[in-house]
Amino acid sequence: MISYIVDRIEEHLIVLVDKKTYKVVIKKDKELPKVVPGDVVYYNKKENKYTVNEKERAQRLKNIRAKFNSIWNDNAFTLIELLAVIIILGILMLIAIPSVTNYINNSRKNSYVSTIDQIIKGTIAKVNSGDLNMFDTDTTYYVPCTCIKLENGEAKSPYGKFDPAYVVVTFDGTNYNYYFTGKDVQNMGVPVLTSADILSKESIVANVDAIDTTVGIEGTSNVYVFSDECNGEGEIGPAGTTVSGGSTPGGSGSSGSTAKYLCKRASTLHTETCARTDTNGCGGKYSQGNTISYGNLGTKGSDPVRGDAYDCDVNNDGKFDSNTERFYYITSRDNKAVLIYYSNISNGETSFTDQYAYATKQSAINAGYTCTNSYGCNDYGPLVAYEQLPSNTLWKNTKIIKPGTRGIYRFNDEFITNFDYKNKVARFPTKNDIIDACNFSGFNMTKGSFDNCNFLLEAIKTYSNNSQPEYANGYLLENPYYTYNSESYVILTNGYWRGMDYRSTDFPYGVRPVVETLLSDIEK
């Protein structure tokens, strides 16, 4: 009898290996009873029959089970061990989950701050390019994030779209200051106006209910909210009053002008008839009965030239009144247009007769200065007369650039002091303004010298009958006299003189406003 071991079974063939000679024998599966690899098969030559050693198969299976049980008994976990592992895993999860959550939240907040930084930089670029005009030092400007386009598309936070959010800007006369406030659709955001310099991930908080657009920063009296597209349309109102522009949030407010320009070219000129009866007439060019036209109509579509007449919507009502809002272009400096009003004013309103001192002794003392000259002191600027200039509550168009703090120079260009115009939106004309307006080569005061720049002489006692009291004799300049601190310069029209002269600082003359705005804000 020959014994074999079943090596393997392939399809319908069974591979047997002789236990002694290791000779391989291949049989068809139908020639053998059911076998599995590892079985011992015997061959009886006499009977020519293969049989399986069932006892050996049983023992082999028993040995396999014993081995398996031995392995399981030696390596299995007890219930206590399993509970310990579960407890340890739970503790690790308690430690890890908050850490992971904090990491994710901090990453999102850092991304939030990075997005805000990009939005602020986009706003700065718009301000520097002149797309956003913000020159009123008494106004806080709200710029919606919707009008700032980033390189990667619409500005939005890591939590979703902003709803709403603003870059908030103030102007101190020299520099711009930038802040941020806003939230997104998940109510994550910065509820309190926060300076761009100190904005951090700690500024981002949850559950922000609403954004207040009524806050005036640094004591500003007004707030202005740009429309969603920053196209210059918006609404302005006093700080503490909700205002809105476009579809930005808010309630009632004072409507602002939606005009593209502050000043439009005039279509007609102001005129006057020379009524002087003295031998000098109306300067060197006009005599009694002549019609005098003030300024030029200019050429529409061309750059402005000195004397061009403009109607400026200074009160921001959307109208360009040719009677009460007439200005004359003088020159441009640093891309800003300089224009002079057609009339003197009193308390910010048109006035042909009211006159005021440049400064008095008492005004200097009241301001905390030392003044010993009884005729007044010009060393500290126009302390009395400047009060008559219009403030931003009267001339509230935000395209007007407030004078802020300016250097005051004597007539010989000697600096004497810095003067704060505070909430005024206009300043006094200067010697250099007059020289530019008339194209003088320097100081000029001869008969008829102002005939070619007569727009400087409108509504003062120039061409009217000298006995008529309805017009003031002239108006003050910003420049004090260069020798004595008790005298200041004026545009003087006494008699035939039509020019600049100096008078006692406490002697009254008219107050005539000069405004500045971007060249792009006046119509060509």
Protein backbone atom coordinates (compact mmCIF):
# COMPACT_ATOMS: atom_id res chain seq x y z
CA MET A 1 0.00 0.00 0.00
CA ILE A 2 1.36 3.40 -1.00
CA SER A 3 0.57 6.55 1.03
CA TYR A 4 0.28 10.03 -0.42
CA ILE A 5 -0.35 13.56 0.92
CA VAL A 6 -2.80 15.81 -0.91
CA ASP A 7 -0.67 18.78 -1.90
CA ARG A 8 -3.21 20.88 -3.73
CA ILE A 9 -6.29 20.71 -5.83
CA GLU A 10 -6.38 22.58 -9.17
CA GLU A 11 -9.66 22.67 -11.01
CA HIS A 12 -10.50 18.92 -11.62
CA LEU A 13 -7.02 17.60 -10.85
CA ILE A 14 -5.63 16.48 -7.52
CA VAL A 15 -1.89 16.67 -6.92
CA LEU A 16 -0.55 13.88 -4.67
CA VAL A 17 2.97 13.62 -3.29
CA ASP A 18 4.44 10.20 -2.37
CA LYS A 19 5.40 10.39 1.32
CA LYS A 20 8.54 8.28 0.74
CA THR A 21 9.78 9.15 -2.72
CA TYR A 22 8.11 12.61 -3.01
CA LYS A 23 6.99 11.52 -6.44
CA VAL A 24 4.12 13.61 -7.74
CA VAL A 25 1.01 11.86 -8.93
CA ILE A 26 -1.87 13.66 -10.56
CA LYS A 27 -5.33 12.23 -10.51
CA LYS A 28 -8.70 13.41 -11.63
CA ASP A 29 -10.97 14.42 -8.81
CA LYS A 30 -13.53 11.74 -9.71
CA GLU A 31 -10.99 9.02 -9.00
CA LEU A 32 -10.70 10.05 -5.36
CA PRO A 33 -13.16 10.58 -2.62
CA LYS A 34 -13.58 14.09 -1.38
CA VAL A 35 -10.25 15.30 -0.10
CA VAL A 36 -8.71 18.52 1.09
CA PRO A 37 -5.07 19.64 1.07
CA GLY A 38 -3.16 17.93 3.89
CA ASP A 39 -5.17 14.70 3.82
CA VAL A 40 -3.30 11.38 3.78
CA VAL A 41 -4.44 9.13 0.94
CA TYR A 42 -3.66 5.40 0.63
CA TYR A 43 -3.51 3.45 -2.65
CA ASN A 44 -4.37 -0.29 -2.68
CA LYS A 45 -2.85 -1.83 -5.79
CA LYS A 46 -4.84 -4.99 -5.56
CA GLU A 47 -8.12 -3.22 -5.43
CA ASN A 48 -6.80 -0.24 -7.46
CA LYS A 49 -8.53 2.04 -4.97
CA TYR A 50 -7.70 5.25 -3.08
CA THR A 51 -8.94 5.78 0.46
CA VAL A 52 -8.59 8.62 3.01
CA ASN A 53 -7.29 8.07 6.52
CA GLU A 54 -10.28 9.53 8.39
CA LYS A 55 -8.69 9.04 11.78
CA GLU A 56 -5.62 11.01 10.81
CA ARG A 57 -7.78 13.78 9.34
CA ALA A 58 -9.73 14.00 12.60
CA GLN A 59 -6.52 14.19 14.63
CA ARG A 60 -5.14 16.88 12.39
CA LEU A 61 -8.24 19.02 12.78
CA LYS A 62 -8.09 18.47 16.51
CA ASN A 63 -4.50 19.68 16.59
CA ILE A 64 -5.42 22.78 14.59
CA ARG A 65 -8.23 23.65 17.01
CA ALA A 66 -5.93 23.14 19.97
CA LYS A 67 -3.34 25.43 18.47
CA PHE A 68 -5.94 28.12 17.81
CA ASN A 69 -7.32 27.87 21.34
CA SER A 70 -3.82 28.14 22.73
CA ILE A 71 -3.21 31.31 20.73
CA TRP A 72 -6.56 32.84 21.79
CA ASN A 73 -6.08 32.03 25.48
CA ASP A 74 -2.57 33.47 25.47
CA ASN A 75 -3.41 36.84 23.70
CA ALA A 76 -7.07 37.75 24.26
CA PHE A 77 -8.11 40.89 26.25
CA THR A 78 -10.02 40.58 29.44
CA LEU A 79 -13.13 42.72 29.98
CA ILE A 80 -11.26 44.95 32.41
CA GLU A 81 -8.52 45.48 29.84
CA LEU A 82 -11.08 46.40 27.20
CA LEU A 83 -12.76 48.89 29.56
CA ALA A 84 -9.39 50.45 30.38
CA VAL A 85 -8.61 50.91 26.68
CA ILE A 86 -12.03 52.51 26.09
CA ILE A 87 -11.54 54.91 29.02
CA ILE A 88 -8.07 55.91 27.81
CA LEU A 89 -9.38 56.55 24.30
CA GLY A 90 -12.18 58.71 25.74
CA ILE A 91 -9.71 60.80 27.74
CA LEU A 92 -7.53 61.25 24.66
CA MET A 93 -10.57 62.38 22.68
CA LEU A 94 -11.55 64.90 25.39
CA ILE A 95 -8.07 66.38 25.18
CA ALA A 96 -7.73 66.24 21.39
CA ILE A 97 -11.14 67.46 20.20
CA PRO A 98 -10.96 70.96 21.85
CA SER A 99 -7.39 71.36 20.61
CA VAL A 100 -8.38 70.46 17.08
CA THR A 101 -11.46 72.68 17.28
CA ASN A 102 -9.38 75.61 18.58
CA TYR A 103 -6.85 75.06 15.83
CA ILE A 104 -9.58 75.14 13.19
CA ASN A 105 -11.21 78.25 14.72
CA ASN A 106 -7.89 80.08 15.03
CA SER A 107 -7.06 79.24 11.43
CA ARG A 108 -10.42 80.61 10.30
CA LYS A 109 -10.01 83.77 12.38
CA ASN A 110 -6.52 84.33 11.02
CA SER A 111 -7.95 83.94 7.53
CA TYR A 112 -10.75 86.39 8.50
CA VAL A 113 -8.18 89.00 9.57
CA SER A 114 -6.18 88.41 6.38
CA THR A 115 -9.31 89.04 4.30
CA ILE A 116 -10.06 92.24 6.22
CA ASP A 117 -6.49 93.37 5.64
CA GLN A 118 -6.93 92.85 1.88
CA ILE A 119 -10.21 94.80 1.95
CA ILE A 120 -8.59 97.70 3.81
CA LYS A 121 -5.72 97.75 1.30
CA GLY A 122 -8.29 97.80 -1.51
CA THR A 123 -10.00 100.76 0.15
CA ILE A 124 -6.68 102.59 0.55
CA ALA A 125 -6.02 102.08 -3.16
CA LYS A 126 -9.43 103.58 -4.03
CA VAL A 127 -8.80 106.57 -1.75
CA ASN A 128 -5.31 107.19 -3.17
CA SER A 129 -6.60 106.94 -6.76
CA GLY A 130 -9.38 109.44 -6.08
CA ASP A 131 -12.20 106.92 -6.65
CA LEU A 132 -13.38 107.63 -3.11
CA ASN A 133 -13.39 111.27 -2.02
CA MET A 134 -12.95 111.68 1.72
CA PHE A 135 -11.65 115.13 2.57
CA ASP A 136 -14.00 116.30 5.29
CA THR A 137 -12.23 116.15 8.63
CA ASP A 138 -15.55 116.28 10.46
CA THR A 139 -17.08 113.21 8.77
CA THR A 140 -16.70 109.48 9.39
CA TYR A 141 -16.98 107.53 6.13
CA TYR A 142 -18.41 103.98 5.90
CA VAL A 143 -17.24 102.03 2.82
CA PRO A 144 -19.16 98.74 2.23
CA CYS A 145 -16.97 95.72 1.58
CA THR A 146 -19.20 94.86 -1.37
CA CYS A 147 -17.56 97.59 -3.46
CA ILE A 148 -14.01 96.33 -2.85
CA LYS A 149 -13.07 93.63 -5.36
CA LEU A 150 -10.24 91.30 -4.37
CA GLU A 151 -7.97 89.37 -6.73
CA ASN A 152 -9.73 86.10 -5.87
CA GLY A 153 -13.19 87.57 -6.40
CA GLU A 154 -15.84 88.87 -4.03
CA ALA A 155 -14.74 89.77 -0.52
CA LYS A 156 -16.10 87.23 1.98
CA SER A 157 -15.08 85.72 5.29
CA PRO A 158 -14.11 82.05 5.88
CA TYR A 159 -17.60 81.58 7.33
CA GLY A 160 -19.50 83.06 4.38
CA LYS A 161 -20.50 86.33 2.71
CA PHE A 162 -20.29 89.62 4.61
CA ASP A 163 -23.71 90.87 5.69
CA PRO A 164 -22.87 93.74 6.15
CA ALA A 165 -19.28 94.91 6.72
CA TYR A 166 -17.52 98.26 6.35
CA VAL A 167 -14.10 99.81 6.18
CA VAL A 168 -14.48 103.03 8.16
CA VAL A 169 -12.32 106.02 7.29
CA THR A 170 -11.55 109.41 8.84
CA PHE A 171 -9.35 112.22 7.55
CA ASP A 172 -7.46 114.54 9.92
CA GLY A 173 -6.46 117.04 7.26
CA THR A 174 -3.19 115.25 6.51
CA ASN A 175 -3.56 111.51 7.04
CA TYR A 176 -6.30 108.91 6.71
CA ASN A 177 -7.21 106.55 9.54
CA TYR A 178 -8.78 103.18 8.77
CA TYR A 179 -11.08 101.00 10.90
CA PHE A 180 -13.25 97.94 10.36
CA THR A 181 -16.61 96.75 11.60
CA GLY A 182 -18.91 94.09 10.20
CA LYS A 183 -20.26 90.57 10.28
CA ASP A 184 -20.98 87.69 7.92
CA VAL A 185 -24.00 85.50 7.31
CA GLN A 186 -22.94 83.24 10.23
CA ASN A 187 -22.90 86.32 12.53
CA MET A 188 -19.14 86.07 13.00
CA GLY A 189 -17.43 89.45 12.88
CA VAL A 190 -16.12 92.62 14.50
CA PRO A 191 -19.02 94.41 16.23
CA VAL A 192 -16.93 97.31 17.55
CA LEU A 193 -15.10 99.78 15.33
CA THR A 194 -11.52 98.56 15.49
CA SER A 195 -8.45 100.31 14.14
CA ALA A 196 -6.68 98.50 11.31
CA ASP A 197 -3.46 98.83 13.31
CA ILE A 198 -4.69 96.64 16.19
CA LEU A 199 -7.07 94.28 14.38
CA SER A 200 -6.31 90.64 15.30
CA LYS A 201 -8.00 87.25 15.57
CA GLU A 202 -9.16 88.25 19.07
CA SER A 203 -11.26 90.96 17.39
CA ILE A 204 -13.38 88.27 15.67
CA VAL A 205 -16.29 87.15 17.85
CA ALA A 206 -19.45 85.09 17.42
CA ASN A 207 -23.13 86.04 17.68
CA VAL A 208 -22.82 89.57 16.26
CA ASP A 209 -26.39 90.84 15.97
CA ALA A 210 -26.09 94.16 14.09
CA ILE A 211 -23.59 96.73 12.85
CA ASP A 212 -23.99 100.34 13.96
CA THR A 213 -23.32 102.82 11.13
CA THR A 214 -24.14 105.89 13.23
CA VAL A 215 -20.85 106.09 15.11
CA GLY A 216 -18.74 109.17 14.42
CA ILE A 217 -15.08 108.49 15.21
CA GLU A 218 -12.76 110.93 16.97
CA GLY A 219 -15.50 113.45 17.64
CA THR A 220 -16.63 113.87 14.02
CA SER A 221 -20.06 115.44 13.66
CA ASN A 222 -21.24 113.60 10.56
CA VAL A 223 -21.28 110.11 9.10
CA TYR A 224 -21.42 109.20 5.40
CA VAL A 225 -22.30 105.74 4.14
CA PHE A 226 -21.31 104.95 0.57
CA SER A 227 -23.59 102.87 -1.63
CA ASP A 228 -22.88 99.18 -2.18
CA GLU A 229 -21.02 99.92 -5.42
CA CYS A 230 -19.10 102.94 -4.06
CA ASN A 231 -20.27 105.00 -7.02
CA GLY A 232 -20.25 108.21 -5.01
CA GLU A 233 -23.91 107.96 -4.06
CA GLY A 234 -24.74 107.74 -0.41
CA GLU A 235 -26.33 109.55 2.44
CA ILE A 236 -24.97 111.83 5.08
CA GLY A 237 -26.29 112.72 8.48
CA PRO A 238 -25.17 113.74 11.94
CA ALA A 239 -23.32 111.21 14.04
CA GLY A 240 -25.81 109.24 16.13
CA THR A 241 -28.38 109.23 13.32
CA THR A 242 -28.67 106.09 11.24
CA VAL A 243 -28.02 106.85 7.59
CA SER A 244 -27.89 104.67 4.55
CA GLY A 245 -26.72 104.60 0.96
CA GLY A 246 -27.85 102.18 -1.71
CA SER A 247 -28.93 98.93 -0.06
CA THR A 248 -26.69 99.25 2.96
CA PRO A 249 -28.47 98.89 6.30
CA GLY A 250 -29.93 101.85 8.11
CA GLY A 251 -32.99 103.95 8.64
CA SER A 252 -33.82 107.55 7.95
CA GLY A 253 -31.14 110.11 7.21
CA SER A 254 -30.47 113.31 5.33
CA SER A 255 -30.25 112.65 1.62
CA GLY A 256 -26.99 113.62 -0.02
CA SER A 257 -26.31 114.79 -3.54
CA THR A 258 -25.80 112.05 -6.12
CA ALA A 259 -24.09 114.40 -8.58
CA LYS A 260 -20.80 113.37 -10.11
CA TYR A 261 -19.28 116.83 -9.63
CA LEU A 262 -19.10 119.35 -6.86
CA CYS A 263 -18.96 122.17 -9.43
CA LYS A 264 -20.48 122.46 -12.90
CA ARG A 265 -19.56 125.02 -15.50
CA ALA A 266 -21.82 128.07 -15.41
CA SER A 267 -24.10 128.72 -18.39
CA THR A 268 -24.52 132.44 -17.67
CA LEU A 269 -22.34 135.11 -16.05
CA HIS A 270 -23.12 137.52 -13.27
CA THR A 271 -23.25 141.09 -14.55
CA GLU A 272 -23.36 144.59 -13.09
CA THR A 273 -23.58 148.10 -14.53
CA CYS A 274 -20.85 150.59 -13.66
CA ALA A 275 -22.56 153.19 -11.50
CA ARG A 276 -19.59 155.20 -10.30
CA THR A 277 -19.83 158.90 -10.96
CA ASP A 278 -16.34 159.93 -9.89
CA THR A 279 -13.68 160.73 -12.48
CA ASN A 280 -11.87 157.47 -11.92
CA GLY A 281 -14.84 155.42 -13.12
CA CYS A 282 -14.73 151.64 -12.66
CA GLY A 283 -11.03 151.05 -12.89
CA GLY A 284 -9.07 151.41 -16.11
CA LYS A 285 -11.42 149.44 -18.34
CA TYR A 286 -14.96 150.50 -17.54
CA SER A 287 -16.74 153.83 -17.24
CA GLN A 288 -20.19 154.82 -16.04
CA GLY A 289 -22.97 152.91 -17.75
CA ASN A 290 -20.77 150.05 -18.99
CA THR A 291 -21.99 146.48 -18.33
CA ILE A 292 -19.43 144.48 -16.41
CA SER A 293 -19.41 140.66 -16.69
CA TYR A 294 -17.70 138.68 -13.95
CA GLY A 295 -15.48 135.78 -14.94
CA ASN A 296 -15.54 133.57 -18.05
CA LEU A 297 -17.86 130.88 -19.32
CA GLY A 298 -14.81 128.93 -20.46
CA THR A 299 -14.79 126.04 -22.91
CA LYS A 300 -16.77 122.97 -21.90
CA GLY A 301 -14.66 119.83 -22.09
CA SER A 302 -11.41 121.75 -21.60
CA ASP A 303 -9.30 122.19 -18.49
CA PRO A 304 -10.43 125.14 -16.36
CA VAL A 305 -8.56 128.44 -16.56
CA ARG A 306 -8.43 131.32 -14.10
CA GLY A 307 -11.69 133.20 -13.93
CA ASP A 308 -13.89 130.39 -15.25
CA ALA A 309 -17.31 130.60 -13.59
CA TYR A 310 -18.68 127.53 -11.81
CA ASP A 311 -21.85 126.73 -9.88
CA CYS A 312 -20.97 124.46 -6.96
CA ASP A 313 -23.41 122.36 -4.95
CA VAL A 314 -21.75 123.21 -1.66
CA ASN A 315 -24.86 122.63 0.46
CA ASN A 316 -25.28 119.13 -1.02
CA ASP A 317 -28.92 119.54 -2.04
CA GLY A 318 -28.34 118.29 -5.59
CA LYS A 319 -28.89 121.75 -7.09
CA PHE A 320 -26.36 124.08 -8.71
CA ASP A 321 -27.75 127.53 -7.98
CA SER A 322 -26.16 130.10 -10.29
CA ASN A 323 -27.23 132.94 -8.00
CA THR A 324 -26.12 131.74 -4.58
CA GLU A 325 -23.55 129.03 -5.41
CA ARG A 326 -21.35 130.90 -7.88
CA PHE A 327 -17.59 130.36 -7.61
CA TYR A 328 -14.63 131.32 -9.76
CA TYR A 329 -11.71 129.07 -10.56
CA ILE A 330 -8.35 130.50 -9.43
CA THR A 331 -5.76 127.76 -9.93
CA SER A 332 -4.87 124.16 -9.08
CA ARG A 333 -2.25 122.88 -6.67
CA ASP A 334 -1.41 119.23 -5.95
CA ASN A 335 -4.30 118.08 -8.16
CA LYS A 336 -6.74 120.22 -6.16
CA ALA A 337 -8.81 123.03 -7.63
CA VAL A 338 -8.92 126.37 -5.75
CA LEU A 339 -12.15 128.39 -6.16
CA ILE A 340 -13.31 131.67 -4.62
CA TYR A 341 -16.89 132.54 -3.72
CA TYR A 342 -18.59 135.42 -5.52
CA SER A 343 -19.61 137.24 -2.32
CA ASN A 344 -18.62 137.97 1.25
CA ILE A 345 -20.42 136.03 3.97
CA SER A 346 -21.55 136.33 7.56
CA ASN A 347 -22.21 133.28 9.75
CA GLY A 348 -21.75 131.14 6.68
CA GLU A 349 -24.45 132.97 4.71
CA THR A 350 -24.15 135.44 1.84
CA SER A 351 -23.69 139.01 3.05
CA PHE A 352 -22.82 142.17 1.11
CA THR A 353 -22.48 144.49 4.08
CA ASP A 354 -21.20 142.68 7.20
CA GLN A 355 -17.52 143.20 8.03
CA TYR A 356 -15.27 141.77 10.73
CA ALA A 357 -11.84 142.31 12.27
CA TYR A 358 -9.01 139.93 11.38
CA ALA A 359 -8.18 139.60 15.07
CA THR A 360 -8.44 141.80 18.16
CA LYS A 361 -6.42 142.10 21.30
CA GLN A 362 -9.23 140.54 23.30
CA SER A 363 -9.61 137.59 20.89
CA ALA A 364 -5.91 136.78 21.31
CA ILE A 365 -6.20 136.99 25.11
CA ASN A 366 -9.34 134.80 25.06
CA ALA A 367 -7.43 132.19 23.08
CA GLY A 368 -4.68 132.14 25.71
CA TYR A 369 -2.14 134.25 23.79
CA THR A 370 -0.21 137.32 24.85
CA CYS A 371 -1.20 140.50 23.01
CA THR A 372 -0.14 143.98 24.15
CA ASN A 373 -1.05 145.99 21.04
CA SER A 374 -4.37 147.75 21.40
CA TYR A 375 -4.99 147.42 17.63
CA GLY A 376 -4.89 143.66 17.81
CA CYS A 377 -2.34 140.94 17.10
CA ASN A 378 -2.02 139.08 13.80
CA ASP A 379 0.60 136.63 15.13
CA TYR A 380 -2.02 133.97 15.88
CA GLY A 381 -4.12 133.97 12.71
CA PRO A 382 -7.63 135.32 11.93
CA LEU A 383 -9.08 134.59 15.36
CA VAL A 384 -12.19 136.74 14.89
CA ALA A 385 -13.01 136.68 11.18
CA TYR A 386 -12.66 132.91 10.67
CA GLU A 387 -15.79 132.31 12.77
CA GLN A 388 -17.86 133.68 9.87
CA LEU A 389 -16.67 131.03 7.40
CA PRO A 390 -19.16 128.27 6.54
CA SER A 391 -19.00 125.06 8.54
CA ASN A 392 -19.83 121.56 7.34
CA THR A 393 -23.36 121.93 8.68
CA LEU A 394 -24.04 124.56 5.99
CA TRP A 395 -21.69 123.59 3.19
CA LYS A 396 -21.90 119.86 3.77
CA ASN A 397 -20.90 118.43 0.41
CA THR A 398 -18.14 115.96 1.29
CA LYS A 399 -16.29 116.67 -1.94
CA ILE A 400 -15.10 119.92 -0.35
CA ILE A 401 -11.64 119.49 1.15
CA LYS A 402 -11.55 121.02 4.61
CA PRO A 403 -8.60 123.34 5.26
CA GLY A 404 -7.87 121.79 8.67
CA THR A 405 -4.72 123.18 10.26
CA ARG A 406 -2.79 125.48 7.94
CA GLY A 407 0.40 127.45 8.20
CA ILE A 408 -0.12 131.22 8.32
CA TYR A 409 2.50 133.25 6.43
CA ARG A 410 3.18 136.95 6.40
CA PHE A 411 3.10 138.84 3.14
CA ASN A 412 6.85 138.24 2.70
CA ASP A 413 6.24 134.44 3.03
CA GLU A 414 7.59 134.34 6.60
CA PHE A 415 5.91 131.57 8.59
CA ILE A 416 4.39 132.78 11.85
CA THR A 417 1.97 130.12 13.17
CA ASN A 418 -0.25 127.13 12.48
CA PHE A 419 -3.93 127.96 12.52
CA ASP A 420 -6.73 125.42 13.02
CA TYR A 421 -9.83 126.15 10.93
CA LYS A 422 -11.61 123.46 12.98
CA ASN A 423 -14.99 122.54 11.47
CA LYS A 424 -14.84 125.16 8.72
CA VAL A 425 -14.91 123.92 5.13
CA ALA A 426 -13.50 127.10 3.59
CA ARG A 427 -10.52 129.36 4.24
CA PHE A 428 -9.46 132.92 3.48
CA PRO A 429 -7.87 133.77 0.13
CA THR A 430 -4.10 134.19 0.26
CA LYS A 431 -1.68 136.55 -1.44
CA ASN A 432 -0.63 133.70 -3.73
CA ASP A 433 -4.27 133.00 -4.65
CA ILE A 434 -4.66 136.61 -5.79
CA ILE A 435 -1.40 136.55 -7.71
CA ASP A 436 -2.45 133.33 -9.48
CA ALA A 437 -5.97 134.62 -10.15
CA CYS A 438 -4.67 137.77 -11.84
CA ASN A 439 -1.50 136.32 -13.30
CA PHE A 440 0.53 138.96 -11.46
CA SER A 441 4.30 138.63 -11.31
CA GLY A 442 4.16 139.81 -7.70
CA PHE A 443 2.53 142.45 -5.51
CA ASN A 444 0.43 144.75 -7.70
CA MET A 445 -1.75 147.67 -6.77
CA THR A 446 -2.28 150.17 -9.54
CA LYS A 447 -5.39 151.65 -11.09
CA GLY A 448 -7.13 149.04 -13.20
CA SER A 449 -4.77 146.23 -12.16
CA PHE A 450 -7.75 143.99 -11.33
CA ASP A 451 -9.63 144.65 -14.57
CA ASN A 452 -8.48 141.31 -16.03
CA CYS A 453 -9.46 139.42 -12.88
CA ASN A 454 -12.56 141.40 -11.93
CA PHE A 455 -14.25 138.23 -10.65
CA LEU A 456 -12.34 138.94 -7.43
CA LEU A 457 -14.23 142.22 -7.04
CA GLU A 458 -17.83 141.06 -7.37
CA ALA A 459 -20.27 142.18 -4.66
CA ILE A 460 -17.97 144.71 -2.98
CA LYS A 461 -17.90 148.49 -3.35
CA THR A 462 -16.03 148.44 -6.64
CA TYR A 463 -18.28 149.46 -9.49
CA SER A 464 -21.27 150.74 -7.55
CA ASN A 465 -21.80 154.38 -6.67
CA ASN A 466 -19.30 155.22 -3.93
CA SER A 467 -22.05 156.68 -1.78
CA GLN A 468 -24.11 153.51 -1.82
CA PRO A 469 -23.78 151.58 1.46
CA GLU A 470 -24.93 148.14 0.28
CA TYR A 471 -21.44 146.73 -0.37
CA ALA A 472 -18.41 146.32 1.90
CA ASN A 473 -15.16 148.02 0.90
CA GLY A 474 -13.31 144.74 0.41
CA TYR A 475 -12.36 141.52 2.14
CA LEU A 476 -9.58 140.06 4.26
CA LEU A 477 -6.67 137.93 3.10
CA GLU A 478 -5.17 135.17 5.22
CA ASN A 479 -1.77 136.90 5.23
CA PRO A 480 -0.80 139.36 7.95
CA TYR A 481 1.43 142.37 7.22
CA TYR A 482 5.14 141.54 7.13
CA THR A 483 6.41 144.25 9.49
CA TYR A 484 3.85 145.02 12.16
CA ASN A 485 1.82 142.44 14.00
CA SER A 486 -1.13 144.83 14.19
CA GLU A 487 -1.95 144.96 10.47
CA SER A 488 -3.32 142.52 7.89
CA TYR A 489 -3.84 142.51 4.15
CA VAL A 490 -7.12 143.05 2.35
CA ILE A 491 -8.53 143.31 -1.15
CA LEU A 492 -9.30 147.02 -1.10
CA THR A 493 -11.60 148.93 -3.46
CA ASN A 494 -11.57 152.34 -1.85
CA GLY A 495 -11.74 155.04 -4.53
CA TYR A 496 -10.04 154.00 -7.75
CA TRP A 497 -7.75 151.51 -6.09
CA ARG A 498 -8.58 147.96 -7.05
CA GLY A 499 -5.95 145.88 -5.34
CA MET A 500 -4.26 144.67 -2.16
CA ASP A 501 -3.35 146.87 0.77
CA TYR A 502 -2.83 146.51 4.51
CA ARG A 503 -5.06 147.81 7.27
CA SER A 504 -5.22 147.64 11.04
CA THR A 505 -5.86 144.12 12.29
CA ASP A 506 -8.90 145.21 14.29
CA PHE A 507 -10.41 147.22 11.41
CA PRO A 508 -13.40 145.38 9.89
CA TYR A 509 -13.57 144.06 6.34
CA GLY A 510 -15.58 141.39 4.59
CA VAL A 511 -14.97 137.64 4.82
CA ARG A 512 -14.79 135.83 1.46
CA PRO A 513 -14.52 132.01 1.39
CA VAL A 514 -12.12 129.99 -0.73
CA VAL A 515 -12.77 126.25 -1.15
CA GLU A 516 -10.63 123.41 -2.46
CA THR A 517 -11.71 120.17 -4.11
CA LEU A 518 -10.18 117.55 -6.38
CA LEU A 519 -9.75 118.65 -9.98
CA SER A 520 -11.76 115.58 -10.95
CA ASP A 521 -14.71 116.96 -8.95
CA ILE A 522 -15.16 120.03 -11.14
CA GLU A 523 -16.60 119.74 -14.62
CA LYS A 524 -14.31 120.35 -17.57
